[in-house]
Amino acid sequence: IVLGIGGTLLTAFGSGYSQVRQLDPLSATYAQSVFIALSALVGLAVMWRTRPSLAAYGFRRPRHLDRALWLLPLAALPVILVGFVGVHVTPVQAAAYLVLAAAVGFNEEIWFRGLVLASLRGLGERHAIVGGSAVFGALHLANVFTGRDPLYLALQFAFACLVGLVLAELVAITGSLWIGIGWHLVYDLVALSTGDDLTPAALAGLAIMTAVLVAYAVWLWRQLPDHDPR
């Protein structure tokens, strides 16, 4: 839990900085990216100073992709989102979102699928995956302080838990963080570019993505190794 909070602390400071400075949306996006990138660097420093190597944490080429269905269910999610909602963003804002999505991808995978997952492995692989996913989802509830709609927060919590579960399973199977980093970059870029209004089309897309994730999580659970793949 402490590691999870550490991974979100600078993100919260970034949001606060943007609000205090009353930055315009474009500047706020870049400012947030800087704080999140700093958080990722702190996480890398923690990895560097602890006993496992960066490769052992997951900075290496993925293995056993056949057991993960070649990541096709994961790759389908941004396609589904665009198909139901469409893209609503200017090229200038899209460039800022790309920077933000890259920062988020590195930060969340370093802290949650790297440090948090490694810290829980003493409980066993499956317990670590479930526990890390719960922490990941719970910390997304910090958005309650932004005044978002309760339905939005509940859906975000459930979806974050499910995404956290799938990404942690993929780390356990493939031994690599690069899958989560790459997927975060693509999906977050698409999600930011489609907006976050709870329209009927958006809810329909979310329902289909959730069904895909649930089925994928069940498949991956059955593929989990009986031992630490590292």
Protein backbone atom coordinates (compact mmCIF):
# COMPACT_ATOMS: atom_id res chain seq x y z
CA ILE A 1 0.00 0.00 0.00
CA VAL A 2 2.86 2.36 0.85
CA LEU A 3 4.52 1.61 -2.49
CA GLY A 4 1.23 2.21 -4.28
CA ILE A 5 0.79 5.56 -2.59
CA GLY A 6 4.38 6.41 -3.47
CA GLY A 7 3.57 5.77 -7.11
CA THR A 8 0.68 8.24 -7.04
CA LEU A 9 2.13 10.97 -4.82
CA LEU A 10 3.87 13.01 -7.52
CA THR A 11 0.85 12.51 -9.78
CA ALA A 12 -1.30 14.18 -7.13
CA PHE A 13 1.23 17.00 -6.80
CA GLY A 14 1.06 17.46 -10.57
CA SER A 15 -2.70 17.87 -10.46
CA GLY A 16 -2.46 20.28 -7.57
CA TYR A 17 0.24 22.31 -9.29
CA SER A 18 -1.85 22.67 -12.43
CA GLN A 19 -4.87 23.83 -10.43
CA VAL A 20 -2.94 26.29 -8.27
CA ARG A 21 -1.22 27.78 -11.31
CA GLN A 22 -4.54 27.79 -13.20
CA LEU A 23 -2.91 26.35 -16.28
CA ASP A 24 -4.77 25.98 -19.55
CA PRO A 25 -5.60 22.36 -20.56
CA LEU A 26 -2.60 21.97 -22.86
CA SER A 27 -0.08 23.33 -20.34
CA ALA A 28 -1.72 21.30 -17.57
CA THR A 29 -1.27 18.12 -19.60
CA TYR A 30 2.44 18.75 -20.07
CA ALA A 31 2.90 19.79 -16.42
CA GLN A 32 1.17 16.60 -15.27
CA SER A 33 3.42 14.59 -17.59
CA VAL A 34 6.53 16.07 -15.98
CA PHE A 35 5.42 15.13 -12.46
CA ILE A 36 4.44 11.62 -13.54
CA ALA A 37 7.76 11.15 -15.36
CA LEU A 38 9.57 12.19 -12.18
CA SER A 39 7.55 9.61 -10.28
CA ALA A 40 8.62 6.94 -12.78
CA LEU A 41 12.27 7.94 -12.30
CA VAL A 42 11.88 7.64 -8.53
CA GLY A 43 10.43 4.17 -9.02
CA LEU A 44 13.36 3.20 -11.23
CA ALA A 45 15.76 4.47 -8.57
CA VAL A 46 14.03 2.30 -5.97
CA MET A 47 14.35 -0.69 -8.30
CA TRP A 48 18.00 0.11 -8.88
CA ARG A 49 18.75 0.26 -5.17
CA THR A 50 16.98 -2.98 -4.23
CA ARG A 51 18.26 -6.50 -4.69
CA PRO A 52 16.46 -7.71 -7.87
CA SER A 53 17.92 -6.54 -11.16
CA LEU A 54 15.86 -4.39 -13.53
CA ALA A 55 15.51 -7.45 -15.76
CA ALA A 56 14.18 -9.45 -12.82
CA TYR A 57 11.60 -6.73 -12.16
CA GLY A 58 10.45 -7.07 -15.77
CA PHE A 59 12.58 -4.88 -18.01
CA ARG A 60 13.25 -7.65 -20.50
CA ARG A 61 11.78 -9.21 -23.62
CA PRO A 62 8.42 -10.96 -23.06
CA ARG A 63 8.33 -14.74 -23.07
CA HIS A 64 5.54 -17.32 -23.55
CA LEU A 65 3.36 -14.97 -25.59
CA ASP A 66 1.50 -17.99 -26.98
CA ARG A 67 0.19 -18.66 -23.47
CA ALA A 68 -1.14 -15.08 -23.46
CA LEU A 69 -2.96 -15.50 -26.81
CA TRP A 70 -0.39 -13.16 -28.37
CA LEU A 71 -2.00 -10.25 -26.46
CA LEU A 72 -4.85 -10.05 -28.99
CA PRO A 73 -7.64 -9.53 -26.39
CA LEU A 74 -5.65 -6.68 -24.84
CA ALA A 75 -4.99 -5.10 -28.23
CA ALA A 76 -8.72 -5.20 -28.99
CA LEU A 77 -9.66 -2.79 -26.19
CA PRO A 78 -8.55 0.53 -27.77
CA VAL A 79 -10.10 -0.60 -31.06
CA ILE A 80 -13.43 -1.22 -29.30
CA LEU A 81 -13.25 2.15 -27.58
CA VAL A 82 -12.62 4.07 -30.80
CA GLY A 83 -15.32 2.08 -32.58
CA PHE A 84 -17.98 3.03 -30.06
CA VAL A 85 -16.95 6.56 -29.07
CA GLY A 86 -14.77 7.95 -31.85
CA VAL A 87 -11.85 10.34 -31.48
CA HIS A 88 -12.47 13.94 -30.44
CA VAL A 89 -9.14 15.73 -30.14
CA THR A 90 -7.01 18.25 -32.02
CA PRO A 91 -3.53 17.26 -33.26
CA VAL A 92 -1.91 19.66 -30.77
CA GLN A 93 -3.77 18.16 -27.84
CA ALA A 94 -3.13 14.64 -29.14
CA ALA A 95 0.63 15.30 -29.01
CA ALA A 96 0.32 16.38 -25.38
CA TYR A 97 -1.78 13.31 -24.61
CA LEU A 98 0.90 11.10 -26.19
CA VAL A 99 3.51 12.48 -23.78
CA LEU A 100 1.15 12.03 -20.84
CA ALA A 101 0.22 8.48 -21.85
CA ALA A 102 3.89 7.49 -22.15
CA ALA A 103 4.65 8.91 -18.70
CA VAL A 104 1.65 7.13 -17.15
CA GLY A 105 2.58 3.85 -18.81
CA PHE A 106 6.08 3.83 -17.37
CA ASN A 107 5.03 5.15 -13.97
CA GLU A 108 2.15 2.77 -13.27
CA GLU A 109 3.95 -0.33 -14.53
CA ILE A 110 7.15 0.48 -12.63
CA TRP A 111 5.32 1.02 -9.36
CA PHE A 112 2.38 -1.39 -9.52
CA ARG A 113 3.39 -4.31 -11.75
CA GLY A 114 7.04 -3.86 -10.76
CA LEU A 115 7.53 -2.80 -7.14
CA VAL A 116 4.12 -3.57 -5.62
CA LEU A 117 3.84 -6.98 -7.28
CA ALA A 118 7.39 -7.90 -6.25
CA SER A 119 6.76 -6.83 -2.66
CA LEU A 120 3.69 -9.09 -2.40
CA ARG A 121 5.22 -12.19 -3.97
CA GLY A 122 6.05 -13.58 -0.54
CA LEU A 123 2.31 -14.28 -0.24
CA GLY A 124 2.40 -16.43 -3.37
CA GLU A 125 2.04 -15.46 -7.03
CA ARG A 126 -1.75 -15.53 -7.19
CA HIS A 127 -2.21 -13.66 -3.91
CA ALA A 128 0.28 -11.06 -5.09
CA ILE A 129 -1.62 -10.57 -8.35
CA VAL A 130 -4.98 -10.13 -6.63
CA GLY A 131 -3.57 -7.93 -3.86
CA GLY A 132 -1.68 -5.69 -6.26
CA SER A 133 -4.78 -5.32 -8.44
CA ALA A 134 -6.88 -4.31 -5.44
CA VAL A 135 -4.34 -1.65 -4.44
CA PHE A 136 -4.18 -0.39 -8.02
CA GLY A 137 -7.96 -0.07 -8.23
CA ALA A 138 -8.35 1.45 -4.78
CA LEU A 139 -5.85 4.23 -5.47
CA HIS A 140 -7.87 5.25 -8.52
CA LEU A 141 -10.60 6.22 -6.05
CA ALA A 142 -8.48 9.26 -5.22
CA ASN A 143 -10.38 10.85 -8.10
CA VAL A 144 -13.25 11.29 -5.65
CA PHE A 145 -11.56 14.55 -4.68
CA THR A 146 -11.99 15.85 -8.23
CA GLY A 147 -15.76 15.91 -7.80
CA ARG A 148 -16.45 13.26 -10.43
CA ASP A 149 -19.82 11.54 -10.68
CA PRO A 150 -20.14 8.51 -8.29
CA LEU A 151 -21.10 6.24 -11.20
CA TYR A 152 -17.97 7.30 -13.07
CA LEU A 153 -15.80 6.60 -10.01
CA ALA A 154 -17.37 3.17 -9.44
CA LEU A 155 -16.85 2.16 -13.06
CA GLN A 156 -13.29 3.47 -13.02
CA PHE A 157 -12.51 1.51 -9.85
CA ALA A 158 -13.90 -1.74 -11.25
CA PHE A 159 -12.19 -1.30 -14.61
CA ALA A 160 -8.86 -0.39 -12.97
CA CYS A 161 -8.99 -3.50 -10.77
CA LEU A 162 -9.68 -5.66 -13.81
CA VAL A 163 -6.93 -4.05 -15.88
CA GLY A 164 -4.53 -4.39 -12.94
CA LEU A 165 -5.39 -8.07 -12.66
CA VAL A 166 -4.78 -8.78 -16.35
CA LEU A 167 -1.52 -6.80 -16.52
CA ALA A 168 -0.19 -8.49 -13.37
CA GLU A 169 -1.07 -11.90 -14.81
CA LEU A 170 0.83 -11.00 -17.97
CA VAL A 171 3.90 -10.05 -15.93
CA ALA A 172 3.72 -13.39 -14.13
CA ILE A 173 3.43 -15.30 -17.42
CA THR A 174 5.77 -13.34 -19.68
CA GLY A 175 8.16 -11.93 -17.07
CA SER A 176 8.03 -8.52 -18.78
CA LEU A 177 6.77 -5.04 -17.92
CA TRP A 178 7.04 -3.86 -21.52
CA ILE A 179 3.62 -5.25 -22.42
CA GLY A 180 1.89 -3.13 -19.80
CA ILE A 181 3.94 -0.05 -20.64
CA GLY A 182 3.15 -0.32 -24.34
CA TRP A 183 -0.53 -1.06 -23.77
CA HIS A 184 -0.89 1.81 -21.31
CA LEU A 185 0.59 4.20 -23.84
CA VAL A 186 -1.84 3.15 -26.60
CA TYR A 187 -4.96 2.75 -24.47
CA ASP A 188 -4.51 5.91 -22.42
CA LEU A 189 -3.82 7.93 -25.57
CA VAL A 190 -7.04 6.60 -27.09
CA ALA A 191 -9.04 7.07 -23.87
CA LEU A 192 -7.87 10.66 -23.47
CA SER A 193 -8.62 11.39 -27.12
CA THR A 194 -12.17 10.00 -26.94
CA GLY A 195 -13.22 11.95 -23.84
CA ASP A 196 -14.70 10.56 -20.63
CA ASP A 197 -18.42 11.35 -20.91
CA LEU A 198 -20.73 8.51 -19.87
CA THR A 199 -22.76 8.47 -23.06
CA PRO A 200 -24.80 5.38 -24.03
CA ALA A 201 -22.16 4.56 -26.67
CA ALA A 202 -19.35 4.89 -24.12
CA LEU A 203 -21.17 2.63 -21.65
CA ALA A 204 -21.81 0.05 -24.36
CA GLY A 205 -18.13 0.09 -25.30
CA LEU A 206 -17.15 -0.23 -21.65
CA ALA A 207 -19.45 -3.23 -21.21
CA ILE A 208 -17.87 -5.03 -24.17
CA MET A 209 -14.33 -4.17 -23.03
CA THR A 210 -15.16 -5.46 -19.54
CA ALA A 211 -16.46 -8.73 -20.97
CA VAL A 212 -13.26 -9.14 -23.02
CA LEU A 213 -11.11 -8.42 -19.96
CA VAL A 214 -13.00 -10.85 -17.74
CA ALA A 215 -12.66 -13.65 -20.29
CA TYR A 216 -8.98 -12.82 -20.79
CA ALA A 217 -8.34 -12.72 -17.03
CA VAL A 218 -9.87 -16.19 -16.64
CA TRP A 219 -7.75 -17.55 -19.49
CA LEU A 220 -4.55 -16.02 -18.09
CA TRP A 221 -5.30 -17.28 -14.58
CA ARG A 222 -5.25 -20.82 -15.90
CA GLN A 223 -1.88 -20.16 -17.58
CA LEU A 224 -0.15 -18.87 -14.47
CA PRO A 225 3.04 -20.77 -13.62
CA ASP A 226 3.30 -22.73 -10.41
CA HIS A 227 6.55 -20.94 -9.62
CA ASP A 228 8.06 -17.47 -9.96
CA PRO A 229 9.08 -17.19 -13.66
CA ARG A 230 12.08 -15.04 -12.71
